Amino acid sequence: MATALNVFRTVTADLTTLPTKLYTAPRAKTSIFLSIQATNVSNEIATVSFFHNSVANVQTAVAKDFRIPVGDALAIIGPGSKLVLESGQSVVASAGANNKVQLVMGVLESAN
């Protein structure tokens, strides 16, 4: 069976205070994040941190302790922006408190 050239994926997560690996680019594919949105679903200000992890586990902050007002959202990657992961690279996220931030990511996986 042939491998699809391009595959779209949606990844969702309820963030906790523990940094969690949410997605890893598959072998022989490049992953292009078309959107990443963090939404405050609580009744008080929430914070979110989002990182890119290299294959060598070098972590680079994309958003660090970013404050999200009540009922609002943060476009970590929004219109006109992209985040590219090479095979084996990953993204990690956490929130300042449990059950306050929900994350949704739109990813295009492209065969190398």
C-alpha atoms as a PDB file:
ATOM      1  CA  MET A   1       0.000   0.000   0.000  1.00  0.00           C
ATOM      2  CA  ALA A   2       1.351   3.437  -0.911  1.00  0.00           C
ATOM      3  CA  THR A   3       1.977   6.016   1.771  1.00  0.00           C
ATOM      4  CA  ALA A   4      -0.206   9.120   1.492  1.00  0.00           C
ATOM      5  CA  LEU A   5       1.756  12.181   0.420  1.00  0.00           C
ATOM      6  CA  ASN A   6      -0.141  14.555   2.737  1.00  0.00           C
ATOM      7  CA  VAL A   7      -2.257  13.736   5.789  1.00  0.00           C
ATOM      8  CA  PHE A   8      -4.113  16.300   7.912  1.00  0.00           C
ATOM      9  CA  ARG A   9      -4.442  15.628  11.650  1.00  0.00           C
ATOM     10  CA  THR A  10      -6.165  17.327  14.568  1.00  0.00           C
ATOM     11  CA  VAL A  11      -4.561  16.885  17.977  1.00  0.00           C
ATOM     12  CA  THR A  12      -6.319  17.968  21.178  1.00  0.00           C
ATOM     13  CA  ALA A  13      -5.282  17.976  24.823  1.00  0.00           C
ATOM     14  CA  ASP A  14      -6.414  19.111  28.261  1.00  0.00           C
ATOM     15  CA  LEU A  15      -3.217  20.571  29.699  1.00  0.00           C
ATOM     16  CA  THR A  16      -1.905  19.911  33.190  1.00  0.00           C
ATOM     17  CA  THR A  17       0.983  21.299  35.207  1.00  0.00           C
ATOM     18  CA  LEU A  18       3.166  18.411  34.016  1.00  0.00           C
ATOM     19  CA  PRO A  19       4.986  19.140  30.739  1.00  0.00           C
ATOM     20  CA  THR A  20       3.482  16.631  28.309  1.00  0.00           C
ATOM     21  CA  LYS A  21       4.731  15.541  24.906  1.00  0.00           C
ATOM     22  CA  LEU A  22       1.677  16.087  22.716  1.00  0.00           C
ATOM     23  CA  TYR A  23       2.943  15.170  19.270  1.00  0.00           C
ATOM     24  CA  THR A  24       6.035  13.714  17.591  1.00  0.00           C
ATOM     25  CA  ALA A  25       6.666  14.012  13.851  1.00  0.00           C
ATOM     26  CA  PRO A  26       6.495  10.505  12.357  1.00  0.00           C
ATOM     27  CA  ARG A  27       9.448   8.745  10.743  1.00  0.00           C
ATOM     28  CA  ALA A  28      10.107   9.899   7.155  1.00  0.00           C
ATOM     29  CA  LYS A  29       7.614  12.767   7.461  1.00  0.00           C
ATOM     30  CA  THR A  30       7.746  16.490   8.044  1.00  0.00           C
ATOM     31  CA  SER A  31       4.943  17.914  10.185  1.00  0.00           C
ATOM     32  CA  ILE A  32       3.696  21.424   9.550  1.00  0.00           C
ATOM     33  CA  PHE A  33       1.567  22.969  12.283  1.00  0.00           C
ATOM     34  CA  LEU A  34      -1.009  25.161  10.582  1.00  0.00           C
ATOM     35  CA  SER A  35      -2.654  26.251  13.823  1.00  0.00           C
ATOM     36  CA  ILE A  36      -2.169  25.832  17.547  1.00  0.00           C
ATOM     37  CA  GLN A  37      -4.741  27.379  19.871  1.00  0.00           C
ATOM     38  CA  ALA A  38      -4.840  27.316  23.678  1.00  0.00           C
ATOM     39  CA  THR A  39      -8.188  28.229  25.269  1.00  0.00           C
ATOM     40  CA  ASN A  40      -8.804  29.212  28.878  1.00  0.00           C
ATOM     41  CA  VAL A  41     -11.808  27.144  29.974  1.00  0.00           C
ATOM     42  CA  SER A  42     -11.695  28.245  33.617  1.00  0.00           C
ATOM     43  CA  ASN A  43     -13.097  31.172  35.599  1.00  0.00           C
ATOM     44  CA  GLU A  44      -9.717  32.757  36.309  1.00  0.00           C
ATOM     45  CA  ILE A  45      -6.598  33.767  34.381  1.00  0.00           C
ATOM     46  CA  ALA A  46      -4.671  30.747  33.094  1.00  0.00           C
ATOM     47  CA  THR A  47      -1.108  30.352  31.854  1.00  0.00           C
ATOM     48  CA  VAL A  48       0.321  28.122  29.152  1.00  0.00           C
ATOM     49  CA  SER A  49       3.820  27.136  28.062  1.00  0.00           C
ATOM     50  CA  PHE A  50       4.578  25.498  24.707  1.00  0.00           C
ATOM     51  CA  PHE A  51       7.934  24.136  23.551  1.00  0.00           C
ATOM     52  CA  HIS A  52       9.616  22.638  20.476  1.00  0.00           C
ATOM     53  CA  ASN A  53      11.838  19.621  21.278  1.00  0.00           C
ATOM     54  CA  SER A  54      14.664  18.648  18.938  1.00  0.00           C
ATOM     55  CA  VAL A  55      15.668  15.020  18.338  1.00  0.00           C
ATOM     56  CA  ALA A  56      18.566  15.663  20.760  1.00  0.00           C
ATOM     57  CA  ASN A  57      15.934  16.808  23.335  1.00  0.00           C
ATOM     58  CA  VAL A  58      16.937  20.489  23.179  1.00  0.00           C
ATOM     59  CA  GLN A  59      13.840  22.419  24.232  1.00  0.00           C
ATOM     60  CA  THR A  60      13.003  25.822  22.713  1.00  0.00           C
ATOM     61  CA  ALA A  61      10.154  27.964  24.067  1.00  0.00           C
ATOM     62  CA  VAL A  62       7.457  28.996  21.600  1.00  0.00           C
ATOM     63  CA  ALA A  63       5.294  30.486  24.405  1.00  0.00           C
ATOM     64  CA  LYS A  64       6.401  30.611  28.059  1.00  0.00           C
ATOM     65  CA  ASP A  65       4.002  31.276  30.960  1.00  0.00           C
ATOM     66  CA  PHE A  66       1.706  33.183  28.601  1.00  0.00           C
ATOM     67  CA  ARG A  67      -1.348  34.549  30.416  1.00  0.00           C
ATOM     68  CA  ILE A  68      -4.767  33.849  28.895  1.00  0.00           C
ATOM     69  CA  PRO A  69      -7.692  35.913  30.230  1.00  0.00           C
ATOM     70  CA  VAL A  70     -10.969  34.250  31.263  1.00  0.00           C
ATOM     71  CA  GLY A  71     -12.984  33.123  28.242  1.00  0.00           C
ATOM     72  CA  ASP A  72     -10.162  33.965  25.821  1.00  0.00           C
ATOM     73  CA  ALA A  73      -7.717  32.038  23.663  1.00  0.00           C
ATOM     74  CA  LEU A  74      -4.098  32.301  22.536  1.00  0.00           C
ATOM     75  CA  ALA A  75      -3.132  31.584  18.939  1.00  0.00           C
ATOM     76  CA  ILE A  76       0.298  30.049  19.562  1.00  0.00           C
ATOM     77  CA  ILE A  77       0.490  29.466  15.814  1.00  0.00           C
ATOM     78  CA  GLY A  78      -2.113  31.477  13.953  1.00  0.00           C
ATOM     79  CA  PRO A  79      -2.871  32.763  10.465  1.00  0.00           C
ATOM     80  CA  GLY A  80       0.266  33.435   8.451  1.00  0.00           C
ATOM     81  CA  SER A  81       2.528  31.465  10.820  1.00  0.00           C
ATOM     82  CA  LYS A  82       3.770  27.879  10.713  1.00  0.00           C
ATOM     83  CA  LEU A  83       5.814  25.612  12.954  1.00  0.00           C
ATOM     84  CA  VAL A  84       7.730  22.857  11.160  1.00  0.00           C
ATOM     85  CA  LEU A  85       8.871  19.645  12.849  1.00  0.00           C
ATOM     86  CA  GLU A  86      11.318  17.317  11.190  1.00  0.00           C
ATOM     87  CA  SER A  87      11.001  13.573  11.717  1.00  0.00           C
ATOM     88  CA  GLY A  88      11.428  12.711  15.420  1.00  0.00           C
ATOM     89  CA  GLN A  89      11.016  16.263  16.717  1.00  0.00           C
ATOM     90  CA  SER A  90       8.143  16.922  19.118  1.00  0.00           C
ATOM     91  CA  VAL A  91       6.077  19.557  20.898  1.00  0.00           C
ATOM     92  CA  VAL A  92       5.527  19.759  24.654  1.00  0.00           C
ATOM     93  CA  ALA A  93       3.019  21.883  26.585  1.00  0.00           C
ATOM     94  CA  SER A  94       1.880  22.573  30.132  1.00  0.00           C
ATOM     95  CA  ALA A  95      -0.461  24.909  31.995  1.00  0.00           C
ATOM     96  CA  GLY A  96      -0.076  26.817  35.241  1.00  0.00           C
ATOM     97  CA  ALA A  97      -2.909  24.770  36.786  1.00  0.00           C
ATOM     98  CA  ASN A  98      -4.805  21.606  35.898  1.00  0.00           C
ATOM     99  CA  ASN A  99      -8.111  21.689  33.993  1.00  0.00           C
ATOM    100  CA  LYS A 100      -7.813  25.327  32.893  1.00  0.00           C
ATOM    101  CA  VAL A 101      -6.403  25.156  29.358  1.00  0.00           C
ATOM    102  CA  GLN A 102      -7.500  23.125  26.353  1.00  0.00           C
ATOM    103  CA  LEU A 103      -5.271  22.920  23.284  1.00  0.00           C
ATOM    104  CA  VAL A 104      -6.150  22.156  19.670  1.00  0.00           C
ATOM    105  CA  MET A 105      -3.563  21.775  16.918  1.00  0.00           C
ATOM    106  CA  GLY A 106      -3.962  21.423  13.158  1.00  0.00           C
ATOM    107  CA  VAL A 107      -1.086  19.467  11.611  1.00  0.00           C
ATOM    108  CA  LEU A 108      -0.189  18.580   8.035  1.00  0.00           C
ATOM    109  CA  GLU A 109       2.062  15.516   7.806  1.00  0.00           C
ATOM    110  CA  SER A 110       3.971  15.464   4.528  1.00  0.00           C
ATOM    111  CA  ALA A 111       6.038  12.550   3.203  1.00  0.00           C
ATOM    112  CA  ASN A 112       9.711  13.413   2.784  1.00  0.00           C
END
